[in-house]
Amino acid sequence: MEHRKQYHADCIESAERTIRIEGPVPPGQLVGMHMHKDLDAFRRPNDQHEALVEIAGLPEGRIIIARDGEMIVGYVTFHYPDEMERWSEGNMQDLIELGAIEVANDYRGLGLGKRMIKLAFEGQQLENMIVFTTEYYWHWDLQNSKLSVWDYRAMMEKLMKCVDMVWFATDDPEICSHPANCLMVRIGKEVPLSSAEQFDRIRFRQRFMY
């Protein structure tokens, strides 16, 4: 399976600062950077920094970042699904998970999430992949955003739709455990029908549902 990693970059400039959006960023470059202290949604910032470096070194791994100087203020991760989750069943080489997206509180409202995700798909580099993301309400920053569960869900759907990811049904117990949780998917133009059908078998264990 060919993993096309095409580096792209973008900038947001203001009188106060210049924020660079770039990726996929290689592990050697990430090592020299540090995380904003608020990037702690999934683990402590230093631990998350180590995880980003590790993911960047994987054959399929992609890290897209937004940085202010050498400080990472936002990131998006792409990697194969965790082997403990149903999405890894079938060992699909062309199924990639958009695993995490996070932006530091002080840098929200600048459209960094949308810019990072769109940059990840630049140059048709993911057209040979099925890219999916699982949205769970317990990962959402409802406290700082002041949004309701449903408004946050709508925001995340809108964000993923910027790269043509759409809602897909599934009988996965974790996703079905709360009506705000959802599965969003983008099937690249070069993905064979056999892979799309295999993904259908993974997302529905109860075969009569598709």
C-alpha atoms as a PDB file:
ATOM      1  CA  MET A   1       0.000   0.000   0.000  1.00  0.00           C
ATOM      2  CA  GLU A   2       1.382   3.378  -1.027  1.00  0.00           C
ATOM      3  CA  HIS A   3       1.277   6.021   1.700  1.00  0.00           C
ATOM      4  CA  ARG A   4       1.557   9.325  -0.127  1.00  0.00           C
ATOM      5  CA  LYS A   5       2.971  11.913   2.221  1.00  0.00           C
ATOM      6  CA  GLN A   6       3.097  15.288   0.494  1.00  0.00           C
ATOM      7  CA  TYR A   7       4.284  18.170   2.656  1.00  0.00           C
ATOM      8  CA  HIS A   8       2.169  21.322   2.491  1.00  0.00           C
ATOM      9  CA  ALA A   9       2.222  24.539   4.515  1.00  0.00           C
ATOM     10  CA  ASP A  10       0.029  27.556   5.144  1.00  0.00           C
ATOM     11  CA  CYS A  11       0.244  30.655   7.373  1.00  0.00           C
ATOM     12  CA  ILE A  12      -2.016  32.927   9.358  1.00  0.00           C
ATOM     13  CA  GLU A  13      -0.385  36.309   9.897  1.00  0.00           C
ATOM     14  CA  SER A  14      -1.433  39.107  12.216  1.00  0.00           C
ATOM     15  CA  ALA A  15       0.236  42.070  13.886  1.00  0.00           C
ATOM     16  CA  GLU A  16       0.894  39.953  16.991  1.00  0.00           C
ATOM     17  CA  ARG A  17       2.007  36.622  15.566  1.00  0.00           C
ATOM     18  CA  THR A  18       2.492  34.288  12.637  1.00  0.00           C
ATOM     19  CA  ILE A  19       0.976  30.832  12.932  1.00  0.00           C
ATOM     20  CA  ARG A  20       2.302  28.192  10.568  1.00  0.00           C
ATOM     21  CA  ILE A  21       0.116  25.237   9.578  1.00  0.00           C
ATOM     22  CA  GLU A  22       2.128  22.380   8.084  1.00  0.00           C
ATOM     23  CA  GLY A  23       2.444  18.678   7.563  1.00  0.00           C
ATOM     24  CA  PRO A  24       2.865  15.834   7.457  1.00  0.00           C
ATOM     25  CA  VAL A  25       5.699  16.791   9.824  1.00  0.00           C
ATOM     26  CA  PRO A  26       8.562  14.258  10.216  1.00  0.00           C
ATOM     27  CA  PRO A  27       9.471  13.015  13.705  1.00  0.00           C
ATOM     28  CA  GLY A  28      12.891  14.681  13.667  1.00  0.00           C
ATOM     29  CA  GLN A  29      11.277  18.092  13.264  1.00  0.00           C
ATOM     30  CA  LEU A  30       8.655  17.451  15.927  1.00  0.00           C
ATOM     31  CA  VAL A  31      11.302  16.501  18.507  1.00  0.00           C
ATOM     32  CA  GLY A  32      12.622  20.067  18.537  1.00  0.00           C
ATOM     33  CA  MET A  33       9.227  21.581  19.294  1.00  0.00           C
ATOM     34  CA  HIS A  34       7.151  21.789  22.467  1.00  0.00           C
ATOM     35  CA  MET A  35       3.431  21.637  23.222  1.00  0.00           C
ATOM     36  CA  HIS A  36       1.197  24.453  24.424  1.00  0.00           C
ATOM     37  CA  LYS A  37       0.305  23.776  28.063  1.00  0.00           C
ATOM     38  CA  ASP A  38      -3.433  23.579  27.277  1.00  0.00           C
ATOM     39  CA  LEU A  39      -3.100  20.666  24.839  1.00  0.00           C
ATOM     40  CA  ASP A  40      -4.139  18.099  27.429  1.00  0.00           C
ATOM     41  CA  ALA A  41      -7.452  16.700  26.150  1.00  0.00           C
ATOM     42  CA  PHE A  42      -6.040  13.186  25.641  1.00  0.00           C
ATOM     43  CA  ARG A  43      -2.957  13.093  27.886  1.00  0.00           C
ATOM     44  CA  ARG A  44      -0.466  15.454  29.502  1.00  0.00           C
ATOM     45  CA  PRO A  45       1.203  17.796  26.966  1.00  0.00           C
ATOM     46  CA  ASN A  46       4.664  16.217  27.250  1.00  0.00           C
ATOM     47  CA  ASP A  47       3.218  12.726  26.872  1.00  0.00           C
ATOM     48  CA  GLN A  48       1.126  13.843  23.912  1.00  0.00           C
ATOM     49  CA  HIS A  49       4.254  15.335  22.328  1.00  0.00           C
ATOM     50  CA  GLU A  50       5.952  11.933  22.594  1.00  0.00           C
ATOM     51  CA  ALA A  51       2.898  10.299  21.024  1.00  0.00           C
ATOM     52  CA  LEU A  52       2.977  12.732  18.079  1.00  0.00           C
ATOM     53  CA  VAL A  53       6.639  11.955  17.446  1.00  0.00           C
ATOM     54  CA  GLU A  54       5.896   8.221  17.539  1.00  0.00           C
ATOM     55  CA  ILE A  55       2.924   8.497  15.155  1.00  0.00           C
ATOM     56  CA  ALA A  56       4.923  10.655  12.739  1.00  0.00           C
ATOM     57  CA  GLY A  57       7.467   7.850  12.450  1.00  0.00           C
ATOM     58  CA  LEU A  58       4.923   5.219  11.436  1.00  0.00           C
ATOM     59  CA  PRO A  59       4.738   4.307   7.718  1.00  0.00           C
ATOM     60  CA  GLU A  60       1.083   5.365   7.589  1.00  0.00           C
ATOM     61  CA  GLY A  61       1.304   8.011  10.327  1.00  0.00           C
ATOM     62  CA  ARG A  62       0.686  11.684   9.599  1.00  0.00           C
ATOM     63  CA  ILE A  63       0.906  14.629  11.972  1.00  0.00           C
ATOM     64  CA  ILE A  64      -0.434  18.006  10.861  1.00  0.00           C
ATOM     65  CA  ILE A  65       0.370  20.880  13.220  1.00  0.00           C
ATOM     66  CA  ALA A  66      -0.286  24.551  13.807  1.00  0.00           C
ATOM     67  CA  ARG A  67       2.653  26.226  15.527  1.00  0.00           C
ATOM     68  CA  ASP A  68       3.519  29.619  16.943  1.00  0.00           C
ATOM     69  CA  GLY A  69       7.293  29.690  16.574  1.00  0.00           C
ATOM     70  CA  GLU A  70       8.394  26.306  17.932  1.00  0.00           C
ATOM     71  CA  MET A  71       5.321  25.875  20.136  1.00  0.00           C
ATOM     72  CA  ILE A  72       2.670  23.467  18.835  1.00  0.00           C
ATOM     73  CA  VAL A  73      -0.740  25.087  19.392  1.00  0.00           C
ATOM     74  CA  GLY A  74      -2.830  22.575  17.450  1.00  0.00           C
ATOM     75  CA  TYR A  75      -2.507  19.178  15.807  1.00  0.00           C
ATOM     76  CA  VAL A  76      -4.330  16.478  13.872  1.00  0.00           C
ATOM     77  CA  THR A  77      -3.247  12.823  13.859  1.00  0.00           C
ATOM     78  CA  PHE A  78      -3.750  10.128  11.212  1.00  0.00           C
ATOM     79  CA  HIS A  79      -2.818   6.483  11.802  1.00  0.00           C
ATOM     80  CA  TYR A  80      -4.070   2.928  11.521  1.00  0.00           C
ATOM     81  CA  PRO A  81      -6.886   2.053  13.968  1.00  0.00           C
ATOM     82  CA  ASP A  82      -5.966   0.733  17.398  1.00  0.00           C
ATOM     83  CA  GLU A  83      -5.654  -3.051  17.293  1.00  0.00           C
ATOM     84  CA  MET A  84      -8.048  -3.289  20.265  1.00  0.00           C
ATOM     85  CA  GLU A  85     -10.888  -1.639  18.321  1.00  0.00           C
ATOM     86  CA  ARG A  86     -13.192  -3.200  15.731  1.00  0.00           C
ATOM     87  CA  TRP A  87     -11.891  -0.862  13.014  1.00  0.00           C
ATOM     88  CA  SER A  88      -8.639  -2.836  12.868  1.00  0.00           C
ATOM     89  CA  GLU A  89     -10.492  -6.050  11.955  1.00  0.00           C
ATOM     90  CA  GLY A  90      -9.549  -7.240   8.512  1.00  0.00           C
ATOM     91  CA  ASN A  91      -6.144  -5.534   8.716  1.00  0.00           C
ATOM     92  CA  MET A  92      -7.133  -3.098   5.976  1.00  0.00           C
ATOM     93  CA  GLN A  93      -4.078  -1.340   4.572  1.00  0.00           C
ATOM     94  CA  ASP A  94      -6.193   1.433   3.057  1.00  0.00           C
ATOM     95  CA  LEU A  95      -8.214   2.307   6.173  1.00  0.00           C
ATOM     96  CA  ILE A  96      -6.806   5.272   8.132  1.00  0.00           C
ATOM     97  CA  GLU A  97      -8.197   6.884  11.262  1.00  0.00           C
ATOM     98  CA  LEU A  98      -8.266  10.615  11.862  1.00  0.00           C
ATOM     99  CA  GLY A  99      -7.533   9.949  15.480  1.00  0.00           C
ATOM    100  CA  ALA A 100      -7.322  13.264  17.313  1.00  0.00           C
ATOM    101  CA  ILE A 101      -7.729  16.962  16.678  1.00  0.00           C
ATOM    102  CA  GLU A 102      -6.948  19.560  19.318  1.00  0.00           C
ATOM    103  CA  VAL A 103      -6.381  23.335  19.384  1.00  0.00           C
ATOM    104  CA  ALA A 104      -5.136  25.271  22.426  1.00  0.00           C
ATOM    105  CA  ASN A 105      -7.764  27.513  24.036  1.00  0.00           C
ATOM    106  CA  ASP A 106      -5.918  30.774  23.280  1.00  0.00           C
ATOM    107  CA  TYR A 107      -5.804  29.926  19.573  1.00  0.00           C
ATOM    108  CA  ARG A 108      -9.414  28.922  18.997  1.00  0.00           C
ATOM    109  CA  GLY A 109     -11.627  30.951  16.690  1.00  0.00           C
ATOM    110  CA  LEU A 110      -8.903  31.252  14.037  1.00  0.00           C
ATOM    111  CA  GLY A 111     -10.100  28.328  11.942  1.00  0.00           C
ATOM    112  CA  LEU A 112      -6.993  26.263  12.724  1.00  0.00           C
ATOM    113  CA  GLY A 113      -8.893  22.975  12.925  1.00  0.00           C
ATOM    114  CA  LYS A 114     -10.374  23.412   9.465  1.00  0.00           C
ATOM    115  CA  ARG A 115      -7.064  24.560   7.984  1.00  0.00           C
ATOM    116  CA  MET A 116      -5.165  21.592   9.416  1.00  0.00           C
ATOM    117  CA  ILE A 117      -7.687  19.042   8.177  1.00  0.00           C
ATOM    118  CA  LYS A 118      -7.897  20.555   4.697  1.00  0.00           C
ATOM    119  CA  LEU A 119      -4.102  20.662   4.456  1.00  0.00           C
ATOM    120  CA  ALA A 120      -3.927  16.934   5.294  1.00  0.00           C
ATOM    121  CA  PHE A 121      -5.892  16.134   2.121  1.00  0.00           C
ATOM    122  CA  GLU A 122      -3.974  18.497  -0.202  1.00  0.00           C
ATOM    123  CA  GLY A 123      -2.593  17.114  -3.446  1.00  0.00           C
ATOM    124  CA  GLN A 124      -4.985  14.130  -3.504  1.00  0.00           C
ATOM    125  CA  GLN A 125      -2.585  12.303  -1.176  1.00  0.00           C
ATOM    126  CA  LEU A 126      -5.423  10.440   0.584  1.00  0.00           C
ATOM    127  CA  GLU A 127      -7.500   9.500  -2.460  1.00  0.00           C
ATOM    128  CA  ASN A 128      -6.358   5.861  -2.145  1.00  0.00           C
ATOM    129  CA  MET A 129      -7.557   5.683   1.481  1.00  0.00           C
ATOM    130  CA  ILE A 130     -10.764   5.329   3.451  1.00  0.00           C
ATOM    131  CA  VAL A 131     -10.392   7.937   6.196  1.00  0.00           C
ATOM    132  CA  PHE A 132     -12.721   7.715   9.193  1.00  0.00           C
ATOM    133  CA  THR A 133     -13.123   9.413  12.529  1.00  0.00           C
ATOM    134  CA  THR A 134     -15.127   8.375  15.580  1.00  0.00           C
ATOM    135  CA  GLU A 135     -16.654  11.306  17.448  1.00  0.00           C
ATOM    136  CA  TYR A 136     -17.356  10.641  21.136  1.00  0.00           C
ATOM    137  CA  TYR A 137     -18.988  13.362  23.217  1.00  0.00           C
ATOM    138  CA  TRP A 138     -16.776  12.578  26.229  1.00  0.00           C
ATOM    139  CA  HIS A 139     -13.750  13.843  24.291  1.00  0.00           C
ATOM    140  CA  TRP A 140     -15.385  17.200  23.537  1.00  0.00           C
ATOM    141  CA  ASP A 141     -14.437  20.357  25.434  1.00  0.00           C
ATOM    142  CA  LEU A 142     -17.972  21.318  26.415  1.00  0.00           C
ATOM    143  CA  GLN A 143     -16.808  23.317  29.435  1.00  0.00           C
ATOM    144  CA  ASN A 144     -14.515  25.778  27.667  1.00  0.00           C
ATOM    145  CA  SER A 145     -16.527  25.967  24.455  1.00  0.00           C
ATOM    146  CA  LYS A 146     -19.783  26.678  26.360  1.00  0.00           C
ATOM    147  CA  LEU A 147     -21.571  24.597  23.709  1.00  0.00           C
ATOM    148  CA  SER A 148     -24.255  22.007  24.291  1.00  0.00           C
ATOM    149  CA  VAL A 149     -23.572  18.413  23.289  1.00  0.00           C
ATOM    150  CA  TRP A 150     -25.701  18.870  20.174  1.00  0.00           C
ATOM    151  CA  ASP A 151     -24.113  22.176  19.153  1.00  0.00           C
ATOM    152  CA  TYR A 152     -20.667  20.642  19.572  1.00  0.00           C
ATOM    153  CA  ARG A 153     -21.736  17.642  17.494  1.00  0.00           C
ATOM    154  CA  ALA A 154     -22.960  20.008  14.752  1.00  0.00           C
ATOM    155  CA  MET A 155     -19.658  21.895  14.893  1.00  0.00           C
ATOM    156  CA  MET A 156     -17.641  18.689  14.505  1.00  0.00           C
ATOM    157  CA  GLU A 157     -19.806  17.478  11.618  1.00  0.00           C
ATOM    158  CA  LYS A 158     -19.350  20.814   9.843  1.00  0.00           C
ATOM    159  CA  LEU A 159     -15.592  20.615  10.423  1.00  0.00           C
ATOM    160  CA  MET A 160     -15.301  17.127   8.933  1.00  0.00           C
ATOM    161  CA  LYS A 161     -17.519  18.032   5.989  1.00  0.00           C
ATOM    162  CA  CYS A 162     -14.868  20.557   4.862  1.00  0.00           C
ATOM    163  CA  VAL A 163     -13.029  17.551   3.355  1.00  0.00           C
ATOM    164  CA  ASP A 164     -16.215  15.731   2.304  1.00  0.00           C
ATOM    165  CA  MET A 165     -16.370  13.372   5.264  1.00  0.00           C
ATOM    166  CA  VAL A 166     -19.970  12.261   5.796  1.00  0.00           C
ATOM    167  CA  TRP A 167     -21.967  10.515   8.504  1.00  0.00           C
ATOM    168  CA  PHE A 168     -22.019   6.709   8.237  1.00  0.00           C
ATOM    169  CA  ALA A 169     -24.245   4.350  10.218  1.00  0.00           C
ATOM    170  CA  THR A 170     -22.724   1.615  12.387  1.00  0.00           C
ATOM    171  CA  ASP A 171     -23.699  -0.830  15.109  1.00  0.00           C
ATOM    172  CA  ASP A 172     -20.473  -0.200  17.056  1.00  0.00           C
ATOM    173  CA  PRO A 173     -21.472  -0.295  20.768  1.00  0.00           C
ATOM    174  CA  GLU A 174     -19.367   2.710  21.804  1.00  0.00           C
ATOM    175  CA  ILE A 175     -20.807   4.927  19.107  1.00  0.00           C
ATOM    176  CA  CYS A 176     -24.324   3.641  19.770  1.00  0.00           C
ATOM    177  CA  SER A 177     -23.952   4.280  23.516  1.00  0.00           C
ATOM    178  CA  HIS A 178     -24.947   7.948  23.083  1.00  0.00           C
ATOM    179  CA  PRO A 179     -26.944   9.565  20.263  1.00  0.00           C
ATOM    180  CA  ALA A 180     -24.444  12.438  19.932  1.00  0.00           C
ATOM    181  CA  ASN A 181     -21.599  10.051  19.074  1.00  0.00           C
ATOM    182  CA  CYS A 182     -21.038   9.460  15.381  1.00  0.00           C
ATOM    183  CA  LEU A 183     -18.885   7.869  12.705  1.00  0.00           C
ATOM    184  CA  MET A 184     -17.752  10.066   9.811  1.00  0.00           C
ATOM    185  CA  VAL A 185     -16.033   8.692   6.721  1.00  0.00           C
ATOM    186  CA  ARG A 186     -14.445   9.777   3.468  1.00  0.00           C
ATOM    187  CA  ILE A 187     -13.872   7.113   0.801  1.00  0.00           C
ATOM    188  CA  GLY A 188     -11.173   8.274  -1.603  1.00  0.00           C
ATOM    189  CA  LYS A 189     -11.795   8.273  -5.342  1.00  0.00           C
ATOM    190  CA  GLU A 190      -9.151   5.575  -5.900  1.00  0.00           C
ATOM    191  CA  VAL A 191     -10.409   3.158  -3.220  1.00  0.00           C
ATOM    192  CA  PRO A 192     -11.550  -0.131  -4.811  1.00  0.00           C
ATOM    193  CA  LEU A 193     -15.102  -1.369  -4.294  1.00  0.00           C
ATOM    194  CA  SER A 194     -13.735  -4.423  -2.465  1.00  0.00           C
ATOM    195  CA  SER A 195     -12.299  -2.166   0.272  1.00  0.00           C
ATOM    196  CA  ALA A 196     -15.538  -0.199   0.613  1.00  0.00           C
ATOM    197  CA  GLU A 197     -17.435  -3.475   1.006  1.00  0.00           C
ATOM    198  CA  GLN A 198     -14.951  -4.766   3.557  1.00  0.00           C
ATOM    199  CA  PHE A 199     -15.393  -1.564   5.560  1.00  0.00           C
ATOM    200  CA  ASP A 200     -19.177  -2.129   5.470  1.00  0.00           C
ATOM    201  CA  ARG A 201     -18.648  -5.559   7.028  1.00  0.00           C
ATOM    202  CA  ILE A 202     -16.549  -4.004   9.791  1.00  0.00           C
ATOM    203  CA  ARG A 203     -18.951  -1.213  10.684  1.00  0.00           C
ATOM    204  CA  PHE A 204     -21.896  -3.632  10.838  1.00  0.00           C
ATOM    205  CA  ARG A 205     -21.462  -6.906  12.689  1.00  0.00           C
ATOM    206  CA  GLN A 206     -25.176  -7.530  12.388  1.00  0.00           C
ATOM    207  CA  ARG A 207     -25.133  -8.341   8.665  1.00  0.00           C
ATOM    208  CA  PHE A 208     -28.821  -7.719   8.079  1.00  0.00           C
ATOM    209  CA  MET A 209     -28.279  -3.999   8.716  1.00  0.00           C
ATOM    210  CA  TYR A 210     -26.603  -3.249   5.381  1.00  0.00           C
END
